[in-house]
Amino acid sequence: MSDVEKAVGVFKEGLSCSQAVLGAYCEQFGLDKEMAYKISSGFAGGMHLDQACGAVTGAFMVIGLKFGRTRADDMDAKMKMVEATREFAKKFTAHHGSIGCTELIGCNISTPEGYEEAKKKDLFKQLCPEFVKSAAEILEEMLA
């Protein structure tokens, strides 16, 4: 099973978009799944603040695992990570028009009314698996 399939599968099992993306890649970088799921749990649904899609923030975490710096003076690593997150965002936006959760699904799920609307319209099942899949596919390309 590919990492893309793993990410989509985890999302369809009921974990969030951010958890699904980070969880599919975490072990490649020495992070166990349980810890990855905990770390990424607060980033789902635009961080519940009408911000970036959880699949995107999960991908940013993977990019950090791959390119992130561990020393304050490692500016080369910092710049590689910044460049990679920008590249990811550009590719995701080119495919979906935005990285923002509200723009992607068409309602603000950081509000109770918006969340209920998304559930009623089945947006989490209709739209979000594609965002998880797309994020993982972009990561596959970038990590190769």
N, C-alpha and C. Protein backbone atom coordinates (compact mmCIF):
# COMPACT_ATOMS: atom_id res chain seq x y z
N MET A 1 0.85 -1.18 0.00
CA MET A 1 0.00 0.00 0.00
C MET A 1 0.89 1.25 0.00
N SER A 2 0.60 2.17 -0.88
CA SER A 2 1.39 3.40 -0.96
C SER A 2 1.07 4.33 0.20
N ASP A 3 1.94 5.31 0.42
CA ASP A 3 1.69 6.30 1.47
C ASP A 3 0.46 7.13 1.15
N VAL A 4 0.20 7.37 -0.13
CA VAL A 4 -1.00 8.10 -0.53
C VAL A 4 -2.23 7.29 -0.11
N GLU A 5 -2.24 6.02 -0.40
CA GLU A 5 -3.37 5.15 -0.01
C GLU A 5 -3.50 5.08 1.50
N LYS A 6 -2.37 5.03 2.21
CA LYS A 6 -2.40 5.01 3.68
C LYS A 6 -3.07 6.27 4.21
N ALA A 7 -2.69 7.41 3.68
CA ALA A 7 -3.24 8.68 4.15
C ALA A 7 -4.76 8.73 3.94
N VAL A 8 -5.19 8.38 2.76
CA VAL A 8 -6.64 8.39 2.46
C VAL A 8 -7.36 7.38 3.34
N GLY A 9 -6.76 6.21 3.52
CA GLY A 9 -7.37 5.17 4.36
C GLY A 9 -7.54 5.62 5.80
N VAL A 10 -6.51 6.23 6.36
CA VAL A 10 -6.58 6.72 7.74
C VAL A 10 -7.66 7.77 7.88
N PHE A 11 -7.76 8.66 6.89
CA PHE A 11 -8.80 9.68 6.94
C PHE A 11 -10.18 9.02 6.88
N LYS A 12 -10.36 8.09 6.00
CA LYS A 12 -11.67 7.44 5.86
C LYS A 12 -12.02 6.60 7.08
N GLU A 13 -11.02 6.18 7.86
CA GLU A 13 -11.28 5.45 9.11
C GLU A 13 -11.76 6.37 10.23
N GLY A 14 -11.60 7.68 10.05
CA GLY A 14 -12.15 8.60 11.03
C GLY A 14 -11.17 9.56 11.68
N LEU A 15 -9.88 9.41 11.42
CA LEU A 15 -8.95 10.41 11.94
C LEU A 15 -9.00 11.64 11.04
N SER A 16 -8.44 12.72 11.50
CA SER A 16 -8.54 13.98 10.76
C SER A 16 -7.57 14.02 9.58
N CYS A 17 -7.77 15.04 8.77
CA CYS A 17 -6.94 15.24 7.58
C CYS A 17 -5.47 15.46 7.94
N SER A 18 -5.19 16.27 8.94
CA SER A 18 -3.81 16.51 9.35
C SER A 18 -3.18 15.23 9.92
N GLN A 19 -3.94 14.49 10.69
CA GLN A 19 -3.44 13.22 11.25
C GLN A 19 -3.17 12.21 10.15
N ALA A 20 -4.04 12.16 9.16
CA ALA A 20 -3.88 11.18 8.08
C ALA A 20 -2.61 11.44 7.29
N VAL A 21 -2.34 12.70 6.97
CA VAL A 21 -1.15 13.01 6.16
C VAL A 21 0.12 12.79 6.97
N LEU A 22 0.21 13.36 8.16
CA LEU A 22 1.43 13.14 8.95
C LEU A 22 1.59 11.66 9.30
N GLY A 23 0.50 11.00 9.64
CA GLY A 23 0.57 9.59 10.01
C GLY A 23 1.08 8.68 8.92
N ALA A 24 0.80 9.03 7.68
CA ALA A 24 1.24 8.19 6.56
C ALA A 24 2.75 8.26 6.34
N TYR A 25 3.39 9.32 6.79
CA TYR A 25 4.82 9.54 6.51
C TYR A 25 5.71 9.53 7.74
N CYS A 26 5.15 9.65 8.92
CA CYS A 26 5.93 9.90 10.13
C CYS A 26 7.02 8.86 10.40
N GLU A 27 6.70 7.60 10.21
CA GLU A 27 7.67 6.55 10.56
C GLU A 27 8.91 6.58 9.68
N GLN A 28 8.81 7.13 8.48
CA GLN A 28 9.98 7.29 7.61
C GLN A 28 11.02 8.21 8.25
N PHE A 29 10.56 9.06 9.18
CA PHE A 29 11.43 10.04 9.80
C PHE A 29 11.64 9.79 11.29
N GLY A 30 11.31 8.58 11.74
CA GLY A 30 11.56 8.19 13.12
C GLY A 30 10.54 8.65 14.14
N LEU A 31 9.38 9.07 13.67
CA LEU A 31 8.31 9.50 14.57
C LEU A 31 7.23 8.43 14.58
N ASP A 32 6.91 7.92 15.78
CA ASP A 32 5.90 6.86 15.81
C ASP A 32 4.51 7.44 15.57
N LYS A 33 3.62 6.58 15.08
CA LYS A 33 2.28 7.03 14.66
C LYS A 33 1.47 7.63 15.79
N GLU A 34 1.52 7.03 16.96
CA GLU A 34 0.72 7.56 18.06
C GLU A 34 1.12 9.01 18.37
N MET A 35 2.42 9.27 18.42
CA MET A 35 2.89 10.63 18.68
C MET A 35 2.52 11.56 17.52
N ALA A 36 2.64 11.06 16.30
CA ALA A 36 2.28 11.87 15.13
C ALA A 36 0.80 12.24 15.17
N TYR A 37 -0.04 11.29 15.52
CA TYR A 37 -1.47 11.57 15.61
C TYR A 37 -1.76 12.62 16.68
N LYS A 38 -1.08 12.52 17.80
CA LYS A 38 -1.30 13.50 18.87
C LYS A 38 -0.83 14.89 18.44
N ILE A 39 0.38 14.96 17.88
CA ILE A 39 0.95 16.24 17.45
C ILE A 39 0.04 16.94 16.44
N SER A 40 -0.47 16.19 15.49
CA SER A 40 -1.22 16.77 14.38
C SER A 40 -2.70 16.97 14.66
N SER A 41 -3.18 16.48 15.78
CA SER A 41 -4.63 16.51 16.04
C SER A 41 -5.21 17.91 16.11
N GLY A 42 -4.46 18.87 16.56
CA GLY A 42 -4.97 20.24 16.68
C GLY A 42 -4.93 21.04 15.39
N PHE A 43 -4.45 20.43 14.31
CA PHE A 43 -4.31 21.14 13.06
C PHE A 43 -5.43 20.83 12.05
N ALA A 44 -6.33 19.99 12.42
CA ALA A 44 -7.41 19.58 11.52
C ALA A 44 -8.39 20.73 11.30
N GLY A 45 -9.08 20.67 10.18
CA GLY A 45 -10.17 21.60 9.92
C GLY A 45 -9.77 23.06 10.02
N GLY A 46 -8.63 23.40 9.44
CA GLY A 46 -8.18 24.78 9.49
C GLY A 46 -7.78 25.21 10.89
N MET A 47 -7.31 24.24 11.68
CA MET A 47 -6.91 24.45 13.07
C MET A 47 -8.10 24.94 13.92
N HIS A 48 -9.29 24.69 13.41
CA HIS A 48 -10.53 25.11 14.07
C HIS A 48 -10.56 26.62 14.25
N LEU A 49 -9.83 27.32 13.36
CA LEU A 49 -9.73 28.78 13.43
C LEU A 49 -9.91 29.42 12.06
N ASP A 50 -10.48 28.67 11.12
CA ASP A 50 -10.68 29.20 9.76
C ASP A 50 -9.34 29.53 9.10
N GLN A 51 -8.42 28.57 9.16
CA GLN A 51 -7.09 28.77 8.60
C GLN A 51 -6.80 27.69 7.55
N ALA A 52 -5.54 27.32 7.39
CA ALA A 52 -5.12 26.37 6.36
C ALA A 52 -5.71 24.99 6.58
N CYS A 53 -6.05 24.35 5.50
CA CYS A 53 -6.57 22.98 5.48
C CYS A 53 -5.64 22.05 6.27
N GLY A 54 -6.23 21.14 7.01
CA GLY A 54 -5.44 20.19 7.80
C GLY A 54 -4.56 19.29 6.96
N ALA A 55 -4.98 18.95 5.76
CA ALA A 55 -4.13 18.13 4.89
C ALA A 55 -2.86 18.91 4.55
N VAL A 56 -3.01 20.21 4.39
CA VAL A 56 -1.86 21.07 4.10
C VAL A 56 -0.95 21.18 5.32
N THR A 57 -1.53 21.42 6.49
CA THR A 57 -0.69 21.55 7.68
C THR A 57 -0.02 20.22 8.02
N GLY A 58 -0.70 19.11 7.78
CA GLY A 58 -0.06 17.80 7.95
C GLY A 58 1.12 17.64 7.02
N ALA A 59 0.95 18.10 5.78
CA ALA A 59 2.05 18.04 4.82
C ALA A 59 3.20 18.95 5.24
N PHE A 60 2.89 20.11 5.78
CA PHE A 60 3.95 21.01 6.27
C PHE A 60 4.74 20.34 7.39
N MET A 61 4.07 19.56 8.23
CA MET A 61 4.78 18.83 9.29
C MET A 61 5.72 17.79 8.69
N VAL A 62 5.27 17.11 7.66
CA VAL A 62 6.14 16.13 6.99
C VAL A 62 7.34 16.85 6.37
N ILE A 63 7.09 17.98 5.74
CA ILE A 63 8.17 18.76 5.15
C ILE A 63 9.16 19.19 6.24
N GLY A 64 8.66 19.55 7.40
CA GLY A 64 9.53 19.88 8.52
C GLY A 64 10.37 18.70 8.96
N LEU A 65 9.77 17.52 8.98
CA LEU A 65 10.54 16.31 9.33
C LEU A 65 11.65 16.06 8.33
N LYS A 66 11.39 16.32 7.07
CA LYS A 66 12.38 16.08 6.01
C LYS A 66 13.45 17.18 5.96
N PHE A 67 13.03 18.43 5.99
CA PHE A 67 13.95 19.53 5.72
C PHE A 67 14.22 20.45 6.92
N GLY A 68 13.47 20.31 8.00
CA GLY A 68 13.56 21.26 9.11
C GLY A 68 14.91 21.28 9.79
N ARG A 69 15.20 22.41 10.37
CA ARG A 69 16.48 22.57 11.06
C ARG A 69 16.36 22.15 12.51
N THR A 70 17.48 21.78 13.07
CA THR A 70 17.54 21.39 14.48
C THR A 70 18.51 22.26 15.26
N ARG A 71 19.18 23.16 14.57
CA ARG A 71 20.11 24.10 15.19
C ARG A 71 19.75 25.52 14.73
N ALA A 72 19.83 26.46 15.62
CA ALA A 72 19.48 27.85 15.29
C ALA A 72 20.35 28.41 14.18
N ASP A 73 21.59 27.96 14.09
CA ASP A 73 22.51 28.52 13.09
C ASP A 73 22.45 27.82 11.73
N ASP A 74 21.56 26.83 11.58
CA ASP A 74 21.48 26.09 10.32
C ASP A 74 20.50 26.78 9.38
N MET A 75 20.96 27.87 8.80
CA MET A 75 20.10 28.66 7.92
C MET A 75 19.85 27.96 6.58
N ASP A 76 20.76 27.11 6.15
CA ASP A 76 20.54 26.35 4.91
C ASP A 76 19.32 25.45 5.06
N ALA A 77 19.25 24.73 6.18
CA ALA A 77 18.09 23.85 6.41
C ALA A 77 16.81 24.68 6.52
N LYS A 78 16.88 25.82 7.21
CA LYS A 78 15.70 26.67 7.33
C LYS A 78 15.20 27.09 5.96
N MET A 79 16.10 27.52 5.12
CA MET A 79 15.70 28.00 3.80
C MET A 79 15.17 26.86 2.92
N LYS A 80 15.73 25.66 3.05
CA LYS A 80 15.20 24.51 2.31
C LYS A 80 13.78 24.21 2.75
N MET A 81 13.53 24.27 4.05
CA MET A 81 12.19 24.00 4.57
C MET A 81 11.21 25.08 4.11
N VAL A 82 11.61 26.34 4.18
CA VAL A 82 10.74 27.43 3.73
C VAL A 82 10.43 27.28 2.24
N GLU A 83 11.44 27.00 1.46
CA GLU A 83 11.24 26.81 0.02
C GLU A 83 10.30 25.63 -0.26
N ALA A 84 10.48 24.55 0.48
CA ALA A 84 9.63 23.37 0.28
C ALA A 84 8.18 23.64 0.67
N THR A 85 7.94 24.35 1.77
CA THR A 85 6.55 24.64 2.15
C THR A 85 5.89 25.56 1.12
N ARG A 86 6.64 26.51 0.62
CA ARG A 86 6.10 27.40 -0.41
C ARG A 86 5.79 26.63 -1.70
N GLU A 87 6.69 25.73 -2.07
CA GLU A 87 6.46 24.91 -3.26
C GLU A 87 5.22 24.05 -3.09
N PHE A 88 5.09 23.44 -1.92
CA PHE A 88 3.91 22.62 -1.66
C PHE A 88 2.65 23.46 -1.78
N ALA A 89 2.63 24.61 -1.11
CA ALA A 89 1.44 25.47 -1.13
C ALA A 89 1.10 25.91 -2.55
N LYS A 90 2.10 26.21 -3.32
CA LYS A 90 1.88 26.63 -4.71
C LYS A 90 1.23 25.49 -5.52
N LYS A 91 1.75 24.28 -5.36
CA LYS A 91 1.20 23.13 -6.09
C LYS A 91 -0.21 22.80 -5.63
N PHE A 92 -0.45 22.83 -4.34
CA PHE A 92 -1.78 22.53 -3.82
C PHE A 92 -2.78 23.58 -4.29
N THR A 93 -2.38 24.83 -4.23
CA THR A 93 -3.25 25.93 -4.69
C THR A 93 -3.52 25.81 -6.19
N ALA A 94 -2.52 25.45 -6.96
CA ALA A 94 -2.73 25.29 -8.41
C ALA A 94 -3.77 24.22 -8.69
N HIS A 95 -3.80 23.20 -7.86
CA HIS A 95 -4.75 22.10 -8.07
C HIS A 95 -6.14 22.40 -7.51
N HIS A 96 -6.20 23.12 -6.38
CA HIS A 96 -7.49 23.30 -5.68
C HIS A 96 -7.95 24.75 -5.56
N GLY A 97 -7.10 25.70 -5.91
CA GLY A 97 -7.49 27.10 -5.86
C GLY A 97 -7.19 27.82 -4.56
N SER A 98 -6.81 27.08 -3.53
CA SER A 98 -6.55 27.68 -2.22
C SER A 98 -5.91 26.63 -1.32
N ILE A 99 -5.34 27.08 -0.19
CA ILE A 99 -4.96 26.15 0.87
C ILE A 99 -5.87 26.35 2.08
N GLY A 100 -6.78 27.31 2.01
CA GLY A 100 -7.67 27.62 3.13
C GLY A 100 -8.82 26.65 3.23
N CYS A 101 -9.07 26.17 4.42
CA CYS A 101 -10.14 25.19 4.65
C CYS A 101 -11.50 25.73 4.20
N THR A 102 -11.85 26.93 4.61
CA THR A 102 -13.15 27.49 4.26
C THR A 102 -13.32 27.63 2.75
N GLU A 103 -12.29 28.12 2.09
CA GLU A 103 -12.36 28.27 0.63
C GLU A 103 -12.49 26.91 -0.05
N LEU A 104 -11.83 25.92 0.48
CA LEU A 104 -11.85 24.60 -0.14
C LEU A 104 -13.20 23.90 -0.02
N ILE A 105 -13.79 23.98 1.16
CA ILE A 105 -15.04 23.23 1.34
C ILE A 105 -16.29 24.10 1.24
N GLY A 106 -16.10 25.41 1.23
CA GLY A 106 -17.24 26.29 1.01
C GLY A 106 -18.03 26.67 2.23
N CYS A 107 -17.54 26.35 3.41
CA CYS A 107 -18.17 26.83 4.64
C CYS A 107 -17.12 26.86 5.75
N ASN A 108 -17.37 27.68 6.73
CA ASN A 108 -16.42 27.89 7.82
C ASN A 108 -16.71 26.91 8.95
N ILE A 109 -15.94 25.83 9.00
CA ILE A 109 -16.20 24.80 10.01
C ILE A 109 -15.65 25.15 11.38
N SER A 110 -15.07 26.36 11.52
CA SER A 110 -14.63 26.78 12.85
C SER A 110 -15.80 27.32 13.68
N THR A 111 -16.95 27.44 13.05
CA THR A 111 -18.16 27.85 13.77
C THR A 111 -19.09 26.64 13.89
N PRO A 112 -19.89 26.59 14.94
CA PRO A 112 -20.84 25.47 15.07
C PRO A 112 -21.78 25.36 13.88
N GLU A 113 -22.23 26.51 13.37
CA GLU A 113 -23.15 26.49 12.23
C GLU A 113 -22.46 25.97 10.97
N GLY A 114 -21.25 26.41 10.74
CA GLY A 114 -20.50 25.95 9.57
C GLY A 114 -20.16 24.48 9.65
N TYR A 115 -19.81 24.02 10.84
CA TYR A 115 -19.51 22.60 11.03
C TYR A 115 -20.76 21.76 10.75
N GLU A 116 -21.89 22.18 11.26
CA GLU A 116 -23.14 21.44 11.03
C GLU A 116 -23.51 21.45 9.55
N GLU A 117 -23.29 22.58 8.88
CA GLU A 117 -23.56 22.66 7.44
C GLU A 117 -22.68 21.67 6.67
N ALA A 118 -21.41 21.61 7.03
CA ALA A 118 -20.49 20.69 6.36
C ALA A 118 -20.91 19.23 6.58
N LYS A 119 -21.32 18.91 7.81
CA LYS A 119 -21.80 17.56 8.09
C LYS A 119 -23.06 17.25 7.30
N LYS A 120 -24.00 18.19 7.29
CA LYS A 120 -25.27 18.00 6.60
C LYS A 120 -25.06 17.78 5.11
N LYS A 121 -24.13 18.52 4.53
CA LYS A 121 -23.83 18.38 3.10
C LYS A 121 -22.84 17.26 2.81
N ASP A 122 -22.38 16.58 3.86
CA ASP A 122 -21.46 15.45 3.73
C ASP A 122 -20.12 15.86 3.09
N LEU A 123 -19.69 17.09 3.36
CA LEU A 123 -18.48 17.63 2.74
C LEU A 123 -17.21 16.90 3.19
N PHE A 124 -17.20 16.43 4.44
CA PHE A 124 -16.02 15.73 4.95
C PHE A 124 -15.78 14.42 4.19
N LYS A 125 -16.84 13.83 3.68
CA LYS A 125 -16.71 12.60 2.88
C LYS A 125 -16.63 12.89 1.39
N GLN A 126 -17.28 13.96 0.97
CA GLN A 126 -17.31 14.29 -0.46
C GLN A 126 -16.05 15.00 -0.94
N LEU A 127 -15.50 15.89 -0.14
CA LEU A 127 -14.40 16.73 -0.59
C LEU A 127 -13.06 16.42 0.08
N CYS A 128 -13.08 16.22 1.37
CA CYS A 128 -11.83 16.14 2.12
C CYS A 128 -10.92 14.96 1.73
N PRO A 129 -11.44 13.79 1.39
CA PRO A 129 -10.52 12.73 0.96
C PRO A 129 -9.66 13.13 -0.23
N GLU A 130 -10.21 13.94 -1.12
CA GLU A 130 -9.44 14.41 -2.27
C GLU A 130 -8.32 15.35 -1.85
N PHE A 131 -8.56 16.17 -0.83
CA PHE A 131 -7.52 17.07 -0.35
C PHE A 131 -6.40 16.27 0.32
N VAL A 132 -6.77 15.25 1.07
CA VAL A 132 -5.77 14.37 1.70
C VAL A 132 -4.96 13.66 0.62
N LYS A 133 -5.64 13.12 -0.36
CA LYS A 133 -4.96 12.42 -1.45
C LYS A 133 -4.02 13.35 -2.20
N SER A 134 -4.49 14.52 -2.53
CA SER A 134 -3.68 15.49 -3.26
C SER A 134 -2.46 15.90 -2.46
N ALA A 135 -2.64 16.17 -1.17
CA ALA A 135 -1.50 16.54 -0.32
C ALA A 135 -0.46 15.43 -0.30
N ALA A 136 -0.90 14.20 -0.18
CA ALA A 136 0.03 13.07 -0.15
C ALA A 136 0.71 12.88 -1.51
N GLU A 137 -0.02 13.08 -2.58
CA GLU A 137 0.60 12.96 -3.91
C GLU A 137 1.68 14.03 -4.13
N ILE A 138 1.40 15.24 -3.69
CA ILE A 138 2.41 16.30 -3.80
C ILE A 138 3.62 15.95 -2.95
N LEU A 139 3.39 15.46 -1.75
CA LEU A 139 4.51 15.05 -0.89
C LEU A 139 5.33 13.95 -1.55
N GLU A 140 4.66 12.98 -2.14
CA GLU A 140 5.38 11.88 -2.82
C GLU A 140 6.36 12.44 -3.82
N GLU A 141 5.89 13.39 -4.61
CA GLU A 141 6.72 14.02 -5.64
C GLU A 141 7.89 14.78 -5.01
N MET A 142 7.59 15.51 -3.93
CA MET A 142 8.62 16.34 -3.32
C MET A 142 9.65 15.55 -2.52
N LEU A 143 9.25 14.43 -1.96
CA LEU A 143 10.16 13.63 -1.14
C LEU A 143 11.01 12.68 -1.95
N ALA A 144 10.64 12.48 -3.21
CA ALA A 144 11.36 11.52 -4.06
C ALA A 144 12.77 11.98 -4.37
